[in-house]
Amino acid sequence: MEESRPLHSGAGAALRKLVPPPALCGFVLLLALMFGVSYAVGAAYGPVAPGMHGSRSGSGGGDPVPHGDGGGMGGMHG
């Protein structure tokens, strides 16, 4: 009768030590997926703050932020 081999042979045990746990792989995959989706949504809809402009150079110059009332909130008198 043949003797059964131990479950943790030399090469197999070393390989199992190098492989990260499945939960960690799943978390990293989910993190990458969420980053990809949020990047795609951001690229599709553009900036959300009013008055934000892209970082394209050569668009004519000038100050993109209006400074008419000192930059404060309108209607707030103190």
C-alpha atoms as a PDB file:
ATOM      1  CA  MET A   1       0.000   0.000   0.000  1.00  0.00           C
ATOM      2  CA  GLU A   2       1.279   3.470  -0.865  1.00  0.00           C
ATOM      3  CA  GLU A   3       1.678   6.118   1.749  1.00  0.00           C
ATOM      4  CA  SER A   4      -0.287   9.299   1.126  1.00  0.00           C
ATOM      5  CA  ARG A   5       1.703  12.467   0.634  1.00  0.00           C
ATOM      6  CA  PRO A   6       1.376  15.216   3.212  1.00  0.00           C
ATOM      7  CA  LEU A   7      -0.883  18.083   2.182  1.00  0.00           C
ATOM      8  CA  HIS A   8       1.838  20.674   2.608  1.00  0.00           C
ATOM      9  CA  SER A   9       4.671  19.543   0.395  1.00  0.00           C
ATOM     10  CA  GLY A  10       7.756  21.778   0.084  1.00  0.00           C
ATOM     11  CA  ALA A  11       6.891  23.645  -3.133  1.00  0.00           C
ATOM     12  CA  GLY A  12       3.148  23.772  -2.440  1.00  0.00           C
ATOM     13  CA  ALA A  13       3.594  25.224   1.048  1.00  0.00           C
ATOM     14  CA  ALA A  14       5.969  27.897  -0.209  1.00  0.00           C
ATOM     15  CA  LEU A  15       3.522  28.845  -2.960  1.00  0.00           C
ATOM     16  CA  ARG A  16       0.623  29.065  -0.501  1.00  0.00           C
ATOM     17  CA  LYS A  17       2.652  31.399   1.726  1.00  0.00           C
ATOM     18  CA  LEU A  18       3.288  33.793  -1.181  1.00  0.00           C
ATOM     19  CA  VAL A  19      -0.317  33.979  -2.390  1.00  0.00           C
ATOM     20  CA  PRO A  20      -2.363  36.666  -0.576  1.00  0.00           C
ATOM     21  CA  PRO A  21      -5.626  35.653   1.073  1.00  0.00           C
ATOM     22  CA  PRO A  22      -8.699  35.581  -1.211  1.00  0.00           C
ATOM     23  CA  ALA A  23     -10.415  38.296   0.842  1.00  0.00           C
ATOM     24  CA  LEU A  24      -7.520  40.675   0.194  1.00  0.00           C
ATOM     25  CA  CYS A  25      -7.619  39.941  -3.536  1.00  0.00           C
ATOM     26  CA  GLY A  26     -11.358  40.582  -3.576  1.00  0.00           C
ATOM     27  CA  PHE A  27     -10.954  43.856  -1.700  1.00  0.00           C
ATOM     28  CA  VAL A  28      -8.255  45.102  -4.076  1.00  0.00           C
ATOM     29  CA  LEU A  29     -10.388  44.105  -7.065  1.00  0.00           C
ATOM     30  CA  LEU A  30     -13.422  45.924  -5.630  1.00  0.00           C
ATOM     31  CA  LEU A  31     -11.302  48.998  -4.889  1.00  0.00           C
ATOM     32  CA  ALA A  32      -9.975  49.081  -8.461  1.00  0.00           C
ATOM     33  CA  LEU A  33     -13.494  48.629  -9.842  1.00  0.00           C
ATOM     34  CA  MET A  34     -14.885  51.491  -7.744  1.00  0.00           C
ATOM     35  CA  PHE A  35     -12.004  53.752  -8.784  1.00  0.00           C
ATOM     36  CA  GLY A  36     -12.634  52.953 -12.451  1.00  0.00           C
ATOM     37  CA  VAL A  37     -16.362  53.644 -12.180  1.00  0.00           C
ATOM     38  CA  SER A  38     -15.870  56.921 -10.311  1.00  0.00           C
ATOM     39  CA  TYR A  39     -13.250  58.051 -12.823  1.00  0.00           C
ATOM     40  CA  ALA A  40     -15.582  57.249 -15.726  1.00  0.00           C
ATOM     41  CA  VAL A  41     -18.481  59.125 -14.123  1.00  0.00           C
ATOM     42  CA  GLY A  42     -16.245  62.117 -13.373  1.00  0.00           C
ATOM     43  CA  ALA A  43     -14.945  62.181 -16.925  1.00  0.00           C
ATOM     44  CA  ALA A  44     -18.477  61.963 -18.326  1.00  0.00           C
ATOM     45  CA  TYR A  45     -20.014  64.722 -16.188  1.00  0.00           C
ATOM     46  CA  GLY A  46     -17.030  67.029 -15.764  1.00  0.00           C
ATOM     47  CA  PRO A  47     -16.459  69.420 -12.869  1.00  0.00           C
ATOM     48  CA  VAL A  48     -19.302  69.870 -10.411  1.00  0.00           C
ATOM     49  CA  ALA A  49     -18.360  73.235  -8.910  1.00  0.00           C
ATOM     50  CA  PRO A  50     -19.715  76.235 -10.804  1.00  0.00           C
ATOM     51  CA  GLY A  51     -17.017  78.308 -12.432  1.00  0.00           C
ATOM     52  CA  MET A  52     -14.450  75.510 -12.569  1.00  0.00           C
ATOM     53  CA  HIS A  53     -12.586  75.341 -15.818  1.00  0.00           C
ATOM     54  CA  GLY A  54     -10.382  72.673 -17.290  1.00  0.00           C
ATOM     55  CA  SER A  55      -6.624  72.916 -17.152  1.00  0.00           C
ATOM     56  CA  ARG A  56      -6.251  73.503 -20.896  1.00  0.00           C
ATOM     57  CA  SER A  57      -3.491  75.969 -21.645  1.00  0.00           C
ATOM     58  CA  GLY A  58      -3.877  78.715 -24.199  1.00  0.00           C
ATOM     59  CA  SER A  59      -7.572  79.319 -23.574  1.00  0.00           C
ATOM     60  CA  GLY A  60      -7.268  83.085 -23.694  1.00  0.00           C
ATOM     61  CA  GLY A  61      -5.885  84.048 -20.294  1.00  0.00           C
ATOM     62  CA  GLY A  62      -7.748  86.212 -17.833  1.00  0.00           C
ATOM     63  CA  ASP A  63      -8.769  85.438 -14.287  1.00  0.00           C
ATOM     64  CA  PRO A  64     -11.391  82.658 -14.142  1.00  0.00           C
ATOM     65  CA  VAL A  65     -12.497  83.648 -10.608  1.00  0.00           C
ATOM     66  CA  PRO A  66     -14.649  86.806 -10.388  1.00  0.00           C
ATOM     67  CA  HIS A  67     -13.507  89.261  -7.734  1.00  0.00           C
ATOM     68  CA  GLY A  68     -16.334  91.803  -7.982  1.00  0.00           C
ATOM     69  CA  ASP A  69     -17.608  91.651  -4.396  1.00  0.00           C
ATOM     70  CA  GLY A  70     -14.375  90.700  -2.651  1.00  0.00           C
ATOM     71  CA  GLY A  71     -14.970  86.964  -2.994  1.00  0.00           C
ATOM     72  CA  GLY A  72     -17.458  86.761  -0.114  1.00  0.00           C
ATOM     73  CA  MET A  73     -20.881  85.196  -0.066  1.00  0.00           C
ATOM     74  CA  GLY A  74     -23.529  87.395  -1.625  1.00  0.00           C
ATOM     75  CA  GLY A  75     -26.290  88.549   0.734  1.00  0.00           C
ATOM     76  CA  MET A  76     -24.170  88.081   3.864  1.00  0.00           C
ATOM     77  CA  HIS A  77     -23.764  91.519   5.408  1.00  0.00           C
ATOM     78  CA  GLY A  78     -21.852  91.783   8.626  1.00  0.00           C
END
